[in-house]
Structure formats: C-alpha cells, structure tokens
C-alpha cells in the first residue's frame, strides 16, 4: 500500500469536479512539485485526461506502472497549487516548469 505525502484529512477543495488523473509517485508519494503536465484524450467519463509528473522521472521509472497512481485532480492540486490555473486547458495541452521554478510555460510553443 502506498503512503501518500498528504493524509486524506489534509485535502482541501481546491480544484474539484475535474475527475481523475494519473500522477507520478514522485509527486504523490515523495511530495515533489509537479514539473511537467499534459492533457491526453480521456480514457473514460471519470478521466480528466491530465497526467502529472515531477519532470525528472527516468524512462525506466515511467515504464513501471507501479510508480503511478490514479487520483482525483483535486488531490494533485493539494500537492501543488500551481497546476490549478491550467486545469481547464484543452486536450493536447502540455506544460513544463523551469527546474526549481514556480511557473509553468506552454511546452507546445
């Protein structure tokens, strides 16, 4: 069983109603900020399409599905509030952060 960085009683309603997402354990378990995020075509009605990473995961790390969790987008917003202004971006959106920075830039530009 995974032990997430935040306990359920620490989760505040910051970005509710977006659905589920896939998040790297570097964010959800280790507590690193989101460094890279993109929105894929949702797989079902509950999937937001959002995928969140710390940004420094190796290919081997990414290739192991055990390193990811399916969580509500609101939970990820509680790990890193800087994602919130971007959550209404369309499918195909992709954002990156400068290493050690707080601001995302459009990775498609």
PDB file of N, CA and C in Angstrom:
ATOM      1  N   UNK A   1       0.834  -1.188   0.000  1.00  0.00           N
ATOM      2  CA  UNK A   1       0.000   0.000   0.000  1.00  0.00           C
ATOM      3  C   UNK A   1       0.880   1.254   0.000  1.00  0.00           C
ATOM      4  N   UNK A   2       0.491   2.220  -0.823  1.00  0.00           N
ATOM      5  CA  UNK A   2       1.254   3.461  -0.917  1.00  0.00           C
ATOM      6  C   UNK A   2       0.873   4.413   0.209  1.00  0.00           C
ATOM      7  N   UNK A   3       1.849   5.166   0.654  1.00  0.00           N
ATOM      8  CA  UNK A   3       1.613   6.201   1.659  1.00  0.00           C
ATOM      9  C   UNK A   3       1.837   7.546   0.988  1.00  0.00           C
ATOM     10  N   UNK A   4       0.745   8.227   0.709  1.00  0.00           N
ATOM     11  CA  UNK A   4       0.823   9.499   0.009  1.00  0.00           C
ATOM     12  C   UNK A   4       1.343  10.602   0.926  1.00  0.00           C
ATOM     13  N   UNK A   5       1.901  11.621   0.317  1.00  0.00           N
ATOM     14  CA  UNK A   5       2.518  12.727   1.054  1.00  0.00           C
ATOM     15  C   UNK A   5       1.506  13.443   1.960  1.00  0.00           C
ATOM     16  N   UNK A   6       0.265  13.540   1.505  1.00  0.00           N
ATOM     17  CA  UNK A   6      -0.779  14.177   2.309  1.00  0.00           C
ATOM     18  C   UNK A   6      -1.769  13.132   2.808  1.00  0.00           C
ATOM     19  N   UNK A   7      -2.211  13.291   4.034  1.00  0.00           N
ATOM     20  CA  UNK A   7      -3.264  12.442   4.569  1.00  0.00           C
ATOM     21  C   UNK A   7      -4.600  12.925   4.025  1.00  0.00           C
ATOM     22  N   UNK A   8      -5.592  12.053   3.921  1.00  0.00           N
ATOM     23  CA  UNK A   8      -6.900  12.465   3.408  1.00  0.00           C
ATOM     24  C   UNK A   8      -7.499  13.671   4.145  1.00  0.00           C
ATOM     25  N   UNK A   9      -7.240  13.803   5.438  1.00  0.00           N
ATOM     26  CA  UNK A   9      -7.804  14.934   6.200  1.00  0.00           C
ATOM     27  C   UNK A   9      -7.096  16.253   5.890  1.00  0.00           C
ATOM     28  N   UNK A  10      -5.999  16.212   5.127  1.00  0.00           N
ATOM     29  CA  UNK A  10      -5.288  17.421   4.727  1.00  0.00           C
ATOM     30  C   UNK A  10      -5.744  17.941   3.363  1.00  0.00           C
ATOM     31  N   UNK A  11      -6.590  17.185   2.673  1.00  0.00           N
ATOM     32  CA  UNK A  11      -7.020  17.558   1.332  1.00  0.00           C
ATOM     33  C   UNK A  11      -8.144  18.588   1.411  1.00  0.00           C
ATOM     34  N   UNK A  12      -7.891  19.742   0.783  1.00  0.00           N
ATOM     35  CA  UNK A  12      -8.876  20.827   0.741  1.00  0.00           C
ATOM     36  C   UNK A  12      -9.534  20.873  -0.644  1.00  0.00           C
ATOM     37  N   UNK A  13     -10.745  21.419  -0.747  1.00  0.00           N
ATOM     38  CA  UNK A  13     -11.420  21.503  -2.050  1.00  0.00           C
ATOM     39  C   UNK A  13     -10.873  22.665  -2.881  1.00  0.00           C
ATOM     40  N   UNK A  14      -9.767  22.441  -3.567  1.00  0.00           N
ATOM     41  CA  UNK A  14      -9.104  23.496  -4.349  1.00  0.00           C
ATOM     42  C   UNK A  14      -9.448  23.438  -5.830  1.00  0.00           C
ATOM     43  N   UNK A  15      -9.678  22.246  -6.345  1.00  0.00           N
ATOM     44  CA  UNK A  15      -9.929  22.073  -7.786  1.00  0.00           C
ATOM     45  C   UNK A  15     -10.845  20.870  -7.981  1.00  0.00           C
ATOM     46  N   UNK A  16     -12.041  20.981  -7.451  1.00  0.00           N
ATOM     47  CA  UNK A  16     -12.984  19.856  -7.507  1.00  0.00           C
ATOM     48  C   UNK A  16     -13.687  19.799  -8.856  1.00  0.00           C
ATOM     49  N   UNK A  17     -14.216  18.636  -9.175  1.00  0.00           N
ATOM     50  CA  UNK A  17     -15.039  18.468 -10.363  1.00  0.00           C
ATOM     51  C   UNK A  17     -14.289  18.215 -11.653  1.00  0.00           C
ATOM     52  N   UNK A  18     -12.988  17.984 -11.595  1.00  0.00           N
ATOM     53  CA  UNK A  18     -12.213  17.741 -12.814  1.00  0.00           C
ATOM     54  C   UNK A  18     -12.109  16.262 -13.149  1.00  0.00           C
ATOM     55  N   UNK A  19     -12.341  15.386 -12.193  1.00  0.00           N
ATOM     56  CA  UNK A  19     -12.235  13.952 -12.435  1.00  0.00           C
ATOM     57  C   UNK A  19     -10.885  13.409 -12.002  1.00  0.00           C
ATOM     58  N   UNK A  20     -10.587  12.223 -12.494  1.00  0.00           N
ATOM     59  CA  UNK A  20      -9.351  11.538 -12.119  1.00  0.00           C
ATOM     60  C   UNK A  20      -8.201  11.898 -13.047  1.00  0.00           C
ATOM     61  N   UNK A  21      -7.001  11.581 -12.583  1.00  0.00           N
ATOM     62  CA  UNK A  21      -5.795  11.812 -13.367  1.00  0.00           C
ATOM     63  C   UNK A  21      -4.776  10.751 -13.001  1.00  0.00           C
ATOM     64  N   UNK A  22      -3.715  10.685 -13.771  1.00  0.00           N
ATOM     65  CA  UNK A  22      -2.594   9.807 -13.475  1.00  0.00           C
ATOM     66  C   UNK A  22      -1.468  10.693 -12.963  1.00  0.00           C
ATOM     67  N   UNK A  23      -0.892  10.298 -11.831  1.00  0.00           N
ATOM     68  CA  UNK A  23       0.165  11.113 -11.217  1.00  0.00           C
ATOM     69  C   UNK A  23       1.334  10.232 -10.795  1.00  0.00           C
ATOM     70  N   UNK A  24       2.518  10.730 -11.050  1.00  0.00           N
ATOM     71  CA  UNK A  24       3.742  10.038 -10.664  1.00  0.00           C
ATOM     72  C   UNK A  24       3.857   9.982  -9.145  1.00  0.00           C
ATOM     73  N   UNK A  25       4.391   8.888  -8.643  1.00  0.00           N
ATOM     74  CA  UNK A  25       4.621   8.776  -7.203  1.00  0.00           C
ATOM     75  C   UNK A  25       5.687   9.752  -6.715  1.00  0.00           C
ATOM     76  N   UNK A  26       6.498  10.287  -7.612  1.00  0.00           N
ATOM     77  CA  UNK A  26       7.452  11.311  -7.179  1.00  0.00           C
ATOM     78  C   UNK A  26       6.699  12.535  -6.658  1.00  0.00           C
ATOM     79  N   UNK A  27       5.513  12.788  -7.213  1.00  0.00           N
ATOM     80  CA  UNK A  27       4.663  13.881  -6.740  1.00  0.00           C
ATOM     81  C   UNK A  27       3.806  13.408  -5.564  1.00  0.00           C
ATOM     82  N   UNK A  28       3.048  12.338  -5.772  1.00  0.00           N
ATOM     83  CA  UNK A  28       2.043  11.905  -4.798  1.00  0.00           C
ATOM     84  C   UNK A  28       2.629  11.285  -3.536  1.00  0.00           C
ATOM     85  N   UNK A  29       3.731  10.573  -3.662  1.00  0.00           N
ATOM     86  CA  UNK A  29       4.319   9.879  -2.509  1.00  0.00           C
ATOM     87  C   UNK A  29       5.513  10.654  -1.951  1.00  0.00           C
ATOM     88  N   UNK A  30       6.410  11.084  -2.842  1.00  0.00           N
ATOM     89  CA  UNK A  30       7.623  11.779  -2.394  1.00  0.00           C
ATOM     90  C   UNK A  30       7.408  13.265  -2.130  1.00  0.00           C
ATOM     91  N   UNK A  31       6.312  13.822  -2.653  1.00  0.00           N
ATOM     92  CA  UNK A  31       5.989  15.220  -2.371  1.00  0.00           C
ATOM     93  C   UNK A  31       6.713  16.247  -3.223  1.00  0.00           C
ATOM     94  N   UNK A  32       7.275  15.820  -4.349  1.00  0.00           N
ATOM     95  CA  UNK A  32       7.929  16.777  -5.242  1.00  0.00           C
ATOM     96  C   UNK A  32       6.869  17.586  -5.979  1.00  0.00           C
ATOM     97  N   UNK A  33       7.162  18.828  -6.337  1.00  0.00           N
ATOM     98  CA  UNK A  33       6.178  19.613  -7.089  1.00  0.00           C
ATOM     99  C   UNK A  33       6.004  19.074  -8.506  1.00  0.00           C
ATOM    100  N   UNK A  34       4.868  19.371  -9.100  1.00  0.00           N
ATOM    101  CA  UNK A  34       4.634  18.999 -10.482  1.00  0.00           C
ATOM    102  C   UNK A  34       5.575  19.831 -11.350  1.00  0.00           C
ATOM    103  N   UNK A  35       6.334  19.159 -12.207  1.00  0.00           N
ATOM    104  CA  UNK A  35       7.254  19.855 -13.099  1.00  0.00           C
ATOM    105  C   UNK A  35       6.857  19.733 -14.553  1.00  0.00           C
ATOM    106  N   UNK A  36       5.977  18.775 -14.845  1.00  0.00           N
ATOM    107  CA  UNK A  36       5.521  18.556 -16.213  1.00  0.00           C
ATOM    108  C   UNK A  36       4.116  17.985 -16.152  1.00  0.00           C
ATOM    109  N   UNK A  37       3.229  18.522 -16.975  1.00  0.00           N
ATOM    110  CA  UNK A  37       1.854  18.045 -17.017  1.00  0.00           C
ATOM    111  C   UNK A  37       1.338  18.132 -18.447  1.00  0.00           C
ATOM    112  N   UNK A  38       0.526  17.170 -18.825  1.00  0.00           N
ATOM    113  CA  UNK A  38      -0.101  17.239 -20.139  1.00  0.00           C
ATOM    114  C   UNK A  38      -1.497  16.638 -20.055  1.00  0.00           C
ATOM    115  N   UNK A  39      -2.327  17.029 -21.032  1.00  0.00           N
ATOM    116  CA  UNK A  39      -3.697  16.525 -21.056  1.00  0.00           C
ATOM    117  C   UNK A  39      -3.899  15.669 -22.290  1.00  0.00           C
ATOM    118  N   UNK A  40      -4.179  14.420 -22.031  1.00  0.00           N
ATOM    119  CA  UNK A  40      -4.415  13.420 -23.065  1.00  0.00           C
ATOM    120  C   UNK A  40      -5.917  13.282 -23.280  1.00  0.00           C
ATOM    121  N   UNK A  41      -6.286  12.575 -24.313  1.00  0.00           N
ATOM    122  CA  UNK A  41      -7.694  12.246 -24.532  1.00  0.00           C
ATOM    123  C   UNK A  41      -8.149  11.381 -23.355  1.00  0.00           C
ATOM    124  N   UNK A  42      -9.231  11.746 -22.659  1.00  0.00           N
ATOM    125  CA  UNK A  42      -9.696  10.929 -21.521  1.00  0.00           C
ATOM    126  C   UNK A  42     -10.026   9.507 -21.948  1.00  0.00           C
ATOM    127  N   UNK A  43      -9.722   8.565 -21.042  1.00  0.00           N
ATOM    128  CA  UNK A  43      -9.983   7.153 -21.320  1.00  0.00           C
ATOM    129  C   UNK A  43     -11.410   6.749 -21.010  1.00  0.00           C
ATOM    130  N   UNK A  44     -12.082   7.486 -20.112  1.00  0.00           N
ATOM    131  CA  UNK A  44     -13.485   7.217 -19.784  1.00  0.00           C
ATOM    132  C   UNK A  44     -14.088   8.496 -19.191  1.00  0.00           C
ATOM    133  N   UNK A  45     -15.341   8.416 -18.783  1.00  0.00           N
ATOM    134  CA  UNK A  45     -16.061   9.601 -18.303  1.00  0.00           C
ATOM    135  C   UNK A  45     -15.457  10.191 -17.028  1.00  0.00           C
ATOM    136  N   UNK A  46     -14.783   9.375 -16.230  1.00  0.00           N
ATOM    137  CA  UNK A  46     -14.207   9.865 -14.977  1.00  0.00           C
ATOM    138  C   UNK A  46     -12.785  10.400 -15.142  1.00  0.00           C
ATOM    139  N   UNK A  47     -12.160  10.133 -16.279  1.00  0.00           N
ATOM    140  CA  UNK A  47     -10.775  10.539 -16.535  1.00  0.00           C
ATOM    141  C   UNK A  47     -10.744  11.969 -17.059  1.00  0.00           C
ATOM    142  N   UNK A  48      -9.955  12.824 -16.414  1.00  0.00           N
ATOM    143  CA  UNK A  48      -9.784  14.200 -16.871  1.00  0.00           C
ATOM    144  C   UNK A  48      -8.858  14.277 -18.078  1.00  0.00           C
ATOM    145  N   UNK A  49      -8.036  13.250 -18.253  1.00  0.00           N
ATOM    146  CA  UNK A  49      -7.019  13.270 -19.288  1.00  0.00           C
ATOM    147  C   UNK A  49      -5.691  13.822 -18.802  1.00  0.00           C
ATOM    148  N   UNK A  50      -5.678  14.407 -17.601  1.00  0.00           N
ATOM    149  CA  UNK A  50      -4.442  15.005 -17.084  1.00  0.00           C
ATOM    150  C   UNK A  50      -3.469  13.935 -16.608  1.00  0.00           C
ATOM    151  N   UNK A  51      -2.195  14.174 -16.894  1.00  0.00           N
ATOM    152  CA  UNK A  51      -1.092  13.328 -16.459  1.00  0.00           C
ATOM    153  C   UNK A  51      -0.055  14.238 -15.829  1.00  0.00           C
ATOM    154  N   UNK A  52       0.358  13.933 -14.607  1.00  0.00           N
ATOM    155  CA  UNK A  52       1.257  14.797 -13.837  1.00  0.00           C
ATOM    156  C   UNK A  52       2.544  14.071 -13.457  1.00  0.00           C
ATOM    157  N   UNK A  53       3.663  14.767 -13.628  1.00  0.00           N
ATOM    158  CA  UNK A  53       4.992  14.220 -13.342  1.00  0.00           C
ATOM    159  C   UNK A  53       5.821  15.251 -12.587  1.00  0.00           C
ATOM    160  N   UNK A  54       6.808  14.790 -11.856  1.00  0.00           N
ATOM    161  CA  UNK A  54       7.768  15.714 -11.243  1.00  0.00           C
ATOM    162  C   UNK A  54       8.637  16.337 -12.334  1.00  0.00           C
ATOM    163  N   UNK A  55       8.859  15.592 -13.397  1.00  0.00           N
ATOM    164  CA  UNK A  55       9.614  16.110 -14.521  1.00  0.00           C
ATOM    165  C   UNK A  55      11.010  15.536 -14.639  1.00  0.00           C
ATOM    166  N   UNK A  56      11.444  14.822 -13.611  1.00  0.00           N
ATOM    167  CA  UNK A  56      12.787  14.237 -13.670  1.00  0.00           C
ATOM    168  C   UNK A  56      12.750  12.712 -13.547  1.00  0.00           C
ATOM    169  N   UNK A  57      11.601  12.108 -13.834  1.00  0.00           N
ATOM    170  CA  UNK A  57      11.493  10.652 -13.821  1.00  0.00           C
ATOM    171  C   UNK A  57      12.298  10.077 -14.993  1.00  0.00           C
ATOM    172  N   UNK A  58      12.997   9.003 -14.746  1.00  0.00           N
ATOM    173  CA  UNK A  58      13.753   8.331 -15.805  1.00  0.00           C
ATOM    174  C   UNK A  58      12.786   7.532 -16.678  1.00  0.00           C
ATOM    175  N   UNK A  59      13.251   7.119 -17.851  1.00  0.00           N
ATOM    176  CA  UNK A  59      12.431   6.274 -18.718  1.00  0.00           C
ATOM    177  C   UNK A  59      12.067   4.967 -18.010  1.00  0.00           C
ATOM    178  N   UNK A  60      13.020   4.397 -17.282  1.00  0.00           N
ATOM    179  CA  UNK A  60      12.756   3.149 -16.553  1.00  0.00           C
ATOM    180  C   UNK A  60      11.678   3.364 -15.489  1.00  0.00           C
ATOM    181  N   UNK A  61      11.714   4.498 -14.827  1.00  0.00           N
ATOM    182  CA  UNK A  61      10.705   4.824 -13.815  1.00  0.00           C
ATOM    183  C   UNK A  61       9.324   4.923 -14.470  1.00  0.00           C
ATOM    184  N   UNK A  62       9.254   5.655 -15.573  1.00  0.00           N
ATOM    185  CA  UNK A  62       7.987   5.867 -16.275  1.00  0.00           C
ATOM    186  C   UNK A  62       7.439   4.555 -16.835  1.00  0.00           C
ATOM    187  N   UNK A  63       8.315   3.664 -17.246  1.00  0.00           N
ATOM    188  CA  UNK A  63       7.883   2.395 -17.827  1.00  0.00           C
ATOM    189  C   UNK A  63       7.277   1.432 -16.814  1.00  0.00           C
ATOM    190  N   UNK A  64       7.392   1.738 -15.526  1.00  0.00           N
ATOM    191  CA  UNK A  64       6.852   0.863 -14.486  1.00  0.00           C
ATOM    192  C   UNK A  64       5.532   1.448 -13.970  1.00  0.00           C
ATOM    193  N   UNK A  65       4.398   0.824 -14.313  1.00  0.00           N
ATOM    194  CA  UNK A  65       3.105   1.366 -13.886  1.00  0.00           C
ATOM    195  C   UNK A  65       2.923   1.428 -12.371  1.00  0.00           C
ATOM    196  N   UNK A  66       3.734   0.692 -11.625  1.00  0.00           N
ATOM    197  CA  UNK A  66       3.634   0.740 -10.159  1.00  0.00           C
ATOM    198  C   UNK A  66       4.073   2.096  -9.608  1.00  0.00           C
ATOM    199  N   UNK A  67       4.719   2.922 -10.425  1.00  0.00           N
ATOM    200  CA  UNK A  67       5.182   4.236  -9.984  1.00  0.00           C
ATOM    201  C   UNK A  67       4.144   5.332 -10.201  1.00  0.00           C
ATOM    202  N   UNK A  68       2.915   4.949 -10.506  1.00  0.00           N
ATOM    203  CA  UNK A  68       1.856   5.914 -10.780  1.00  0.00           C
ATOM    204  C   UNK A  68       0.601   5.570 -10.003  1.00  0.00           C
ATOM    205  N   UNK A  69      -0.195   6.605  -9.749  1.00  0.00           N
ATOM    206  CA  UNK A  69      -1.462   6.422  -9.058  1.00  0.00           C
ATOM    207  C   UNK A  69      -2.566   7.102  -9.841  1.00  0.00           C
ATOM    208  N   UNK A  70      -3.763   6.593  -9.701  1.00  0.00           N
ATOM    209  CA  UNK A  70      -4.954   7.216 -10.247  1.00  0.00           C
ATOM    210  C   UNK A  70      -5.616   7.951  -9.089  1.00  0.00           C
ATOM    211  N   UNK A  71      -5.593   9.283  -9.153  1.00  0.00           N
ATOM    212  CA  UNK A  71      -6.128  10.114  -8.073  1.00  0.00           C
ATOM    213  C   UNK A  71      -7.049  11.182  -8.652  1.00  0.00           C
ATOM    214  N   UNK A  72      -7.851  11.776  -7.807  1.00  0.00           N
ATOM    215  CA  UNK A  72      -8.658  12.917  -8.213  1.00  0.00           C
ATOM    216  C   UNK A  72      -7.734  14.105  -8.464  1.00  0.00           C
ATOM    217  N   UNK A  73      -8.033  14.896  -9.490  1.00  0.00           N
ATOM    218  CA  UNK A  73      -7.218  16.076  -9.796  1.00  0.00           C
ATOM    219  C   UNK A  73      -7.116  16.995  -8.581  1.00  0.00           C
ATOM    220  N   UNK A  74      -8.172  17.085  -7.789  1.00  0.00           N
ATOM    221  CA  UNK A  74      -8.149  17.927  -6.593  1.00  0.00           C
ATOM    222  C   UNK A  74      -7.034  17.518  -5.635  1.00  0.00           C
ATOM    223  N   UNK A  75      -6.768  16.233  -5.530  1.00  0.00           N
ATOM    224  CA  UNK A  75      -5.700  15.761  -4.650  1.00  0.00           C
ATOM    225  C   UNK A  75      -4.358  16.282  -5.150  1.00  0.00           C
ATOM    226  N   UNK A  76      -4.132  16.208  -6.455  1.00  0.00           N
ATOM    227  CA  UNK A  76      -2.877  16.705  -7.024  1.00  0.00           C
ATOM    228  C   UNK A  76      -2.769  18.216  -6.822  1.00  0.00           C
ATOM    229  N   UNK A  77      -3.877  18.924  -6.937  1.00  0.00           N
ATOM    230  CA  UNK A  77      -3.872  20.377  -6.689  1.00  0.00           C
ATOM    231  C   UNK A  77      -3.452  20.679  -5.256  1.00  0.00           C
ATOM    232  N   UNK A  78      -3.747  19.793  -4.342  1.00  0.00           N
ATOM    233  CA  UNK A  78      -3.314  19.970  -2.957  1.00  0.00           C
ATOM    234  C   UNK A  78      -1.821  19.711  -2.800  1.00  0.00           C
ATOM    235  N   UNK A  79      -1.261  18.857  -3.655  1.00  0.00           N
ATOM    236  CA  UNK A  79       0.192  18.650  -3.640  1.00  0.00           C
ATOM    237  C   UNK A  79       0.910  19.855  -4.224  1.00  0.00           C
ATOM    238  N   UNK A  80       0.335  20.454  -5.270  1.00  0.00           N
ATOM    239  CA  UNK A  80       0.965  21.569  -5.977  1.00  0.00           C
ATOM    240  C   UNK A  80      -0.113  22.479  -6.563  1.00  0.00           C
ATOM    241  N   UNK A  81      -0.391  23.589  -5.882  1.00  0.00           N
ATOM    242  CA  UNK A  81      -1.453  24.505  -6.295  1.00  0.00           C
ATOM    243  C   UNK A  81      -1.152  25.229  -7.594  1.00  0.00           C
ATOM    244  N   UNK A  82       0.090  25.205  -8.064  1.00  0.00           N
ATOM    245  CA  UNK A  82       0.425  25.924  -9.293  1.00  0.00           C
ATOM    246  C   UNK A  82      -0.224  25.312 -10.528  1.00  0.00           C
ATOM    247  N   UNK A  83      -0.770  24.090 -10.424  1.00  0.00           N
ATOM    248  CA  UNK A  83      -1.442  23.471 -11.569  1.00  0.00           C
ATOM    249  C   UNK A  83      -2.837  24.050 -11.791  1.00  0.00           C
ATOM    250  N   UNK A  84      -3.444  24.624 -10.774  1.00  0.00           N
ATOM    251  CA  UNK A  84      -4.863  24.999 -10.804  1.00  0.00           C
ATOM    252  C   UNK A  84      -5.225  25.918 -11.972  1.00  0.00           C
ATOM    253  N   UNK A  85      -4.473  26.989 -12.258  1.00  0.00           N
ATOM    254  CA  UNK A  85      -4.883  27.870 -13.367  1.00  0.00           C
ATOM    255  C   UNK A  85      -4.883  27.202 -14.740  1.00  0.00           C
ATOM    256  N   UNK A  86      -4.248  26.047 -14.872  1.00  0.00           N
ATOM    257  CA  UNK A  86      -4.120  25.379 -16.165  1.00  0.00           C
ATOM    258  C   UNK A  86      -5.117  24.247 -16.378  1.00  0.00           C
ATOM    259  N   UNK A  87      -5.902  23.919 -15.382  1.00  0.00           N
ATOM    260  CA  UNK A  87      -6.728  22.711 -15.431  1.00  0.00           C
ATOM    261  C   UNK A  87      -7.853  22.745 -16.459  1.00  0.00           C
ATOM    262  N   UNK A  88      -8.235  23.911 -16.930  1.00  0.00           N
ATOM    263  CA  UNK A  88      -9.282  23.978 -17.956  1.00  0.00           C
ATOM    264  C   UNK A  88      -8.703  24.005 -19.365  1.00  0.00           C
ATOM    265  N   UNK A  89      -7.414  23.754 -19.495  1.00  0.00           N
ATOM    266  CA  UNK A  89      -6.770  23.711 -20.804  1.00  0.00           C
ATOM    267  C   UNK A  89      -7.285  22.508 -21.595  1.00  0.00           C
ATOM    268  N   UNK A  90      -7.297  22.618 -22.924  1.00  0.00           N
ATOM    269  CA  UNK A  90      -7.865  21.548 -23.751  1.00  0.00           C
ATOM    270  C   UNK A  90      -6.959  20.322 -23.860  1.00  0.00           C
ATOM    271  N   UNK A  91      -7.536  19.238 -24.365  1.00  0.00           N
ATOM    272  CA  UNK A  91      -6.769  18.044 -24.687  1.00  0.00           C
ATOM    273  C   UNK A  91      -5.647  18.464 -25.637  1.00  0.00           C
ATOM    274  N   UNK A  92      -4.453  17.951 -25.397  1.00  0.00           N
ATOM    275  CA  UNK A  92      -3.289  18.315 -26.195  1.00  0.00           C
ATOM    276  C   UNK A  92      -2.406  19.348 -25.510  1.00  0.00           C
ATOM    277  N   UNK A  93      -2.925  19.975 -24.448  1.00  0.00           N
ATOM    278  CA  UNK A  93      -2.127  20.965 -23.710  1.00  0.00           C
ATOM    279  C   UNK A  93      -0.965  20.265 -23.024  1.00  0.00           C
ATOM    280  N   UNK A  94       0.151  20.975 -22.929  1.00  0.00           N
ATOM    281  CA  UNK A  94       1.366  20.421 -22.341  1.00  0.00           C
ATOM    282  C   UNK A  94       2.138  21.561 -21.693  1.00  0.00           C
ATOM    283  N   UNK A  95       2.477  21.394 -20.425  1.00  0.00           N
ATOM    284  CA  UNK A  95       3.143  22.456 -19.674  1.00  0.00           C
ATOM    285  C   UNK A  95       4.359  21.917 -18.937  1.00  0.00           C
ATOM    286  N   UNK A  96       5.383  22.737 -18.881  1.00  0.00           N
ATOM    287  CA  UNK A  96       6.652  22.399 -18.248  1.00  0.00           C
ATOM    288  C   UNK A  96       7.021  23.535 -17.304  1.00  0.00           C
ATOM    289  N   UNK A  97       7.817  23.233 -16.283  1.00  0.00           N
ATOM    290  CA  UNK A  97       8.356  24.254 -15.377  1.00  0.00           C
ATOM    291  C   UNK A  97       9.859  24.288 -15.535  1.00  0.00           C
ATOM    292  N   UNK A  98      10.418  25.481 -15.403  1.00  0.00           N
ATOM    293  CA  UNK A  98      11.872  25.580 -15.298  1.00  0.00           C
ATOM    294  C   UNK A  98      12.273  24.848 -14.025  1.00  0.00           C
ATOM    295  N   UNK A  99      13.401  24.184 -14.026  1.00  0.00           N
ATOM    296  CA  UNK A  99      13.835  23.461 -12.830  1.00  0.00           C
ATOM    297  C   UNK A  99      13.955  24.425 -11.658  1.00  0.00           C
ATOM    298  N   UNK A 100      13.301  24.103 -10.566  1.00  0.00           N
ATOM    299  CA  UNK A 100      13.308  24.941  -9.379  1.00  0.00           C
ATOM    300  C   UNK A 100      12.375  26.133  -9.462  1.00  0.00           C
ATOM    301  N   UNK A 101      11.628  26.260 -10.573  1.00  0.00           N
ATOM    302  CA  UNK A 101      10.725  27.394 -10.745  1.00  0.00           C
ATOM    303  C   UNK A 101       9.330  27.106 -10.247  1.00  0.00           C
ATOM    304  N   UNK A 102       8.512  28.149 -10.231  1.00  0.00           N
ATOM    305  CA  UNK A 102       7.122  28.035  -9.776  1.00  0.00           C
ATOM    306  C   UNK A 102       6.127  28.241 -10.909  1.00  0.00           C
ATOM    307  N   UNK A 103       6.599  28.621 -12.091  1.00  0.00           N
ATOM    308  CA  UNK A 103       5.706  28.999 -13.169  1.00  0.00           C
ATOM    309  C   UNK A 103       5.829  28.027 -14.334  1.00  0.00           C
ATOM    310  N   UNK A 104       4.671  27.600 -14.833  1.00  0.00           N
ATOM    311  CA  UNK A 104       4.645  26.738 -16.000  1.00  0.00           C
ATOM    312  C   UNK A 104       4.736  27.565 -17.273  1.00  0.00           C
ATOM    313  N   UNK A 105       5.304  26.972 -18.306  1.00  0.00           N
ATOM    314  CA  UNK A 105       5.262  27.568 -19.635  1.00  0.00           C
ATOM    315  C   UNK A 105       4.684  26.532 -20.581  1.00  0.00           C
ATOM    316  N   UNK A 106       4.117  27.003 -21.684  1.00  0.00           N
ATOM    317  CA  UNK A 106       3.495  26.124 -22.658  1.00  0.00           C
ATOM    318  C   UNK A 106       4.583  25.362 -23.395  1.00  0.00           C
ATOM    319  N   UNK A 107       4.609  24.051 -23.221  1.00  0.00           N
ATOM    320  CA  UNK A 107       5.661  23.217 -23.831  1.00  0.00           C
ATOM    321  C   UNK A 107       5.420  23.004 -25.318  1.00  0.00           C
ATOM    322  N   UNK A 108       4.253  23.407 -25.820  1.00  0.00           N
ATOM    323  CA  UNK A 108       3.953  23.257 -27.249  1.00  0.00           C
ATOM    324  C   UNK A 108       4.418  24.461 -28.063  1.00  0.00           C
ATOM    325  N   UNK A 109       4.908  25.489 -27.410  1.00  0.00           N
ATOM    326  CA  UNK A 109       5.339  26.690 -28.138  1.00  0.00           C
ATOM    327  C   UNK A 109       6.815  26.670 -28.403  1.00  0.00           C
TER     328      UNK A 109
END
